[in-house]
Amino acid sequence: MNCTPIAHIYNDFPTKFGLPRQSGMSEHLLSTIVMEEEYRSPDAFRGIEAFEYLWLIWQFEAMGKREWSPTVRPPKLGGNKRMGVFATRSPNRPNPLGLTRVKLISVEQTEQGPVLTVAGADLMSGTAILDIKPYLPFADSAPDARAEGYGPHTQKKLNVALPPQIAEKFSESQRAALREALAYDPRPGYQNDPQRVYGFAYGGYDIRFQVSEDTVTVTDAVPVESTQSD
């Protein structure tokens, strides 16, 4: 079976590190979905505004020639505990498919056809979208369902220290999304060095931060152009 991308999604996260691990963890993170030319008919979106949330079926970035493994080590569980691949959301799967719920903010008619703005995606910028379907709360929601094998149902949020001179580099919505991404601790579960400076690309900047106890502190935001020219 061959799947052809119908669209690509774009946002402020060009790489995986720092990206929210699950959909909905950063409700302020806005993304745009631009359709491929073949799928830009406005008729294909008729009635979509009636739905508050959508499902995105998407493709993980190319896994190269690496063979899939029946067990994986989820980073958030410390990177040492092995679990069955079908009991995780690891990208190293037989078929590199992802499923994400997003909130539909708007649908605009542009020179590129209908462009969807959505919130809460956990996809890095440029990811290929394979399908879009409406989210049906009466059928798709199971708030009391067990999920004990994948850590706690909720994750304790860290306090975020974002200095004003760094915060002013971003718009209000970008600041909110950045705070959410940092509050959920982007580091793998097995890394806990308060002296180490971590970094990820966001909104055209390399965000540098440290984590000590229950606080993550942003220490710098360097324009990506500067880091590439060093």
Protein backbone atom coordinates (compact mmCIF):
# COMPACT_ATOMS: atom_id res chain seq x y z
CA MET A 1 0.00 0.00 0.00
CA ASN A 2 1.39 3.38 -1.01
CA CYS A 3 0.28 6.48 0.90
CA THR A 4 0.63 9.89 -0.71
CA PRO A 5 0.90 12.99 1.51
CA ILE A 6 -2.11 15.26 1.12
CA ALA A 7 -0.53 18.16 3.02
CA HIS A 8 2.35 19.33 5.21
CA ILE A 9 2.20 21.01 8.60
CA TYR A 10 4.31 24.01 9.62
CA ASN A 11 5.09 25.53 13.02
CA ASP A 12 7.93 26.89 15.20
CA PHE A 13 9.54 23.49 15.91
CA PRO A 14 11.89 22.45 13.06
CA THR A 15 13.39 19.54 15.06
CA LYS A 16 12.07 16.85 17.41
CA PHE A 17 13.83 17.91 20.61
CA GLY A 18 11.67 20.34 22.57
CA LEU A 19 8.54 19.38 20.66
CA PRO A 20 5.54 18.48 22.88
CA ARG A 21 5.54 14.69 23.35
CA GLN A 22 1.80 14.31 22.96
CA SER A 23 -0.93 16.28 21.26
CA GLY A 24 -2.71 18.83 23.43
CA MET A 25 0.24 19.34 25.80
CA SER A 26 0.83 22.77 24.25
CA GLU A 27 -2.58 24.23 23.51
CA HIS A 28 -1.00 27.55 22.46
CA LEU A 29 1.25 26.01 19.81
CA LEU A 30 -0.26 27.03 16.48
CA SER A 31 0.45 25.18 13.25
CA THR A 32 -0.70 25.66 9.67
CA ILE A 33 -1.62 22.82 7.35
CA VAL A 34 -0.97 23.52 3.67
CA MET A 35 -2.54 21.12 1.21
CA GLU A 36 -0.81 19.61 -1.79
CA GLU A 37 -2.11 21.03 -5.07
CA GLU A 38 -4.19 17.97 -5.92
CA TYR A 39 -6.18 18.29 -2.68
CA ARG A 40 -6.88 22.04 -2.61
CA SER A 41 -10.52 21.90 -3.67
CA PRO A 42 -12.64 23.91 -1.20
CA ASP A 43 -15.32 21.23 -1.59
CA ALA A 44 -13.06 18.76 0.25
CA PHE A 45 -13.43 20.92 3.39
CA ARG A 46 -17.13 21.64 3.19
CA GLY A 47 -18.59 21.37 6.70
CA ILE A 48 -15.25 21.02 8.52
CA GLU A 49 -15.90 24.17 10.58
CA ALA A 50 -18.62 22.25 12.42
CA PHE A 51 -15.93 20.23 14.23
CA GLU A 52 -13.87 21.69 17.07
CA TYR A 53 -11.17 19.00 16.89
CA LEU A 54 -9.62 16.94 14.10
CA TRP A 55 -7.55 13.78 13.81
CA LEU A 56 -4.36 13.99 11.77
CA ILE A 57 -2.84 10.81 10.38
CA TRP A 58 0.76 11.56 9.54
CA GLN A 59 4.10 10.08 8.60
CA PHE A 60 7.14 9.94 10.86
CA GLU A 61 10.31 11.21 9.23
CA ALA A 62 12.18 8.62 7.20
CA MET A 63 13.65 5.91 9.42
CA GLY A 64 16.36 5.04 6.89
CA LYS A 65 17.27 1.35 6.62
CA ARG A 66 16.94 0.71 10.35
CA GLU A 67 14.87 -2.40 11.02
CA TRP A 68 11.92 -2.12 13.35
CA SER A 69 12.29 -3.76 16.74
CA PRO A 70 9.60 -5.64 18.71
CA THR A 71 10.72 -3.78 21.85
CA VAL A 72 11.78 -0.17 22.41
CA ARG A 73 13.06 1.99 25.28
CA PRO A 74 10.79 5.03 25.79
CA PRO A 75 12.97 8.01 26.83
CA LYS A 76 10.36 9.31 29.28
CA LEU A 77 10.54 6.01 31.19
CA GLY A 78 14.26 6.49 31.72
CA GLY A 79 15.52 4.92 28.51
CA ASN A 80 16.28 1.60 30.21
CA LYS A 81 12.88 -0.11 30.49
CA ARG A 82 11.96 -2.10 27.41
CA MET A 83 8.34 -2.23 26.27
CA GLY A 84 6.63 -3.79 23.29
CA VAL A 85 6.55 -1.42 20.33
CA PHE A 86 2.78 -1.80 20.07
CA ALA A 87 2.47 -0.67 23.71
CA THR A 88 4.29 2.58 22.95
CA ARG A 89 4.19 5.53 20.57
CA SER A 90 7.75 5.04 19.40
CA PRO A 91 8.45 6.16 15.80
CA ASN A 92 10.43 2.95 15.18
CA ARG A 93 7.45 0.93 13.93
CA PRO A 94 6.69 -1.46 11.07
CA ASN A 95 4.78 1.38 9.40
CA PRO A 96 5.90 4.91 10.39
CA LEU A 97 2.42 6.34 11.05
CA GLY A 98 1.36 8.81 13.74
CA LEU A 99 -2.06 9.87 15.04
CA THR A 100 -2.64 13.31 16.56
CA ARG A 101 -5.68 15.21 17.82
CA VAL A 102 -5.63 18.95 17.15
CA LYS A 103 -8.01 21.83 17.75
CA LEU A 104 -9.26 23.53 14.59
CA ILE A 105 -8.77 27.29 14.88
CA SER A 106 -9.62 28.45 11.37
CA VAL A 107 -9.89 27.56 7.70
CA GLU A 108 -8.77 30.28 5.28
CA GLN A 109 -8.96 30.39 1.50
CA THR A 110 -5.55 31.45 0.19
CA GLU A 111 -3.47 31.33 -3.00
CA GLN A 112 -2.35 27.90 -1.72
CA GLY A 113 -5.95 26.74 -1.42
CA PRO A 114 -7.63 26.09 1.95
CA VAL A 115 -5.12 26.48 4.78
CA LEU A 116 -6.00 25.10 8.22
CA THR A 117 -4.71 26.67 11.41
CA VAL A 118 -4.70 24.18 14.28
CA ALA A 119 -3.55 24.19 17.90
CA GLY A 120 -1.92 21.53 20.07
CA ALA A 121 -0.05 19.49 17.45
CA ASP A 122 2.96 17.36 18.43
CA LEU A 123 4.41 17.30 14.90
CA MET A 124 7.60 19.02 13.86
CA SER A 125 7.47 21.53 11.04
CA GLY A 126 7.41 19.99 7.57
CA THR A 127 5.77 16.71 8.61
CA ALA A 128 3.72 15.01 5.90
CA ILE A 129 -0.01 14.65 6.59
CA LEU A 130 -1.65 11.56 5.12
CA ASP A 131 -5.27 12.17 6.14
CA ILE A 132 -7.55 14.48 8.11
CA LYS A 133 -10.68 13.27 9.89
CA PRO A 134 -13.16 14.87 12.32
CA TYR A 135 -12.86 14.09 16.02
CA LEU A 136 -16.13 12.77 17.50
CA PRO A 137 -16.20 13.15 21.30
CA PHE A 138 -19.04 10.65 21.81
CA ALA A 139 -17.07 7.95 20.02
CA ASP A 140 -13.41 8.94 20.42
CA SER A 141 -13.19 9.99 24.07
CA ALA A 142 -12.59 7.58 26.96
CA PRO A 143 -11.39 9.83 29.83
CA ASP A 144 -11.47 7.01 32.41
CA ALA A 145 -9.47 4.55 30.32
CA ARG A 146 -6.42 2.90 31.93
CA ALA A 147 -2.94 3.85 30.68
CA GLU A 148 -0.79 2.52 33.49
CA GLY A 149 1.93 1.05 31.32
CA TYR A 150 3.07 4.40 29.97
CA GLY A 151 3.77 6.36 33.13
CA PRO A 152 1.40 8.61 35.08
CA HIS A 153 -1.78 9.98 33.55
CA THR A 154 -0.56 13.48 34.30
CA GLN A 155 2.93 14.93 34.43
CA LYS A 156 3.99 17.44 37.03
CA LYS A 157 4.76 20.76 35.38
CA LEU A 158 7.98 22.62 36.03
CA ASN A 159 8.14 26.31 36.82
CA VAL A 160 9.49 28.27 33.86
CA ALA A 161 11.85 31.24 34.29
CA LEU A 162 11.82 33.19 31.03
CA PRO A 163 13.84 36.44 31.33
CA PRO A 164 12.12 39.52 29.83
CA GLN A 165 14.98 40.19 27.40
CA ILE A 166 14.44 36.75 25.92
CA ALA A 167 10.64 36.77 26.12
CA GLU A 168 10.45 39.97 24.06
CA LYS A 169 11.95 38.12 21.07
CA PHE A 170 8.67 36.23 20.62
CA SER A 171 5.01 37.05 20.12
CA GLU A 172 2.55 36.49 22.94
CA SER A 173 1.31 33.18 21.47
CA GLN A 174 4.88 32.02 20.84
CA ARG A 175 5.83 32.79 24.46
CA ALA A 176 2.84 30.82 25.72
CA ALA A 177 3.71 27.80 23.56
CA LEU A 178 7.38 27.97 24.58
CA ARG A 179 6.46 28.04 28.27
CA GLU A 180 4.23 24.99 27.79
CA ALA A 181 6.96 23.07 25.98
CA LEU A 182 9.48 23.82 28.74
CA ALA A 183 7.06 23.18 31.60
CA TYR A 184 6.68 19.54 30.55
CA ASP A 185 10.48 19.06 30.65
CA PRO A 186 11.77 18.24 27.14
CA ARG A 187 14.71 16.23 28.50
CA PRO A 188 14.75 12.41 28.29
CA GLY A 189 13.85 10.79 31.59
CA TYR A 190 17.40 9.51 32.12
CA GLN A 191 19.00 12.99 32.00
CA ASN A 192 18.98 14.98 35.23
CA ASP A 193 22.13 17.12 35.35
CA PRO A 194 21.35 20.61 36.75
CA GLN A 195 24.65 21.94 35.37
CA ARG A 196 24.03 20.85 31.80
CA VAL A 197 22.79 23.40 29.28
CA TYR A 198 20.25 21.95 26.85
CA GLY A 199 18.98 23.47 23.65
CA PHE A 200 16.38 23.15 20.94
CA ALA A 201 15.33 25.14 17.89
CA TYR A 202 12.16 27.18 18.22
CA GLY A 203 10.79 30.10 16.24
CA GLY A 204 14.07 30.87 14.53
CA TYR A 205 16.12 30.71 17.74
CA ASP A 206 18.23 28.16 19.55
CA ILE A 207 16.66 28.08 23.01
CA ARG A 208 19.21 27.30 25.75
CA PHE A 209 17.98 26.17 29.17
CA GLN A 210 18.88 24.43 32.42
CA VAL A 211 16.73 22.46 34.85
CA SER A 212 17.22 22.50 38.61
CA GLU A 213 14.74 20.72 40.88
CA ASP A 214 11.30 22.02 39.86
CA THR A 215 12.38 25.00 37.71
CA VAL A 216 13.54 25.28 34.12
CA THR A 217 15.46 28.47 33.37
CA VAL A 218 15.98 29.83 29.88
CA THR A 219 19.54 31.13 29.74
CA ASP A 220 19.75 32.34 26.14
CA ALA A 221 18.00 32.50 22.76
CA VAL A 222 20.45 32.66 19.88
CA PRO A 223 19.24 33.31 16.33
CA VAL A 224 19.54 30.11 14.32
CA GLU A 225 21.47 31.96 11.59
CA SER A 226 24.18 32.72 14.15
CA THR A 227 24.50 29.10 15.28
CA GLN A 228 24.77 27.93 11.67
CA SER A 229 27.53 30.37 10.80
CA ASP A 230 29.78 29.52 13.78
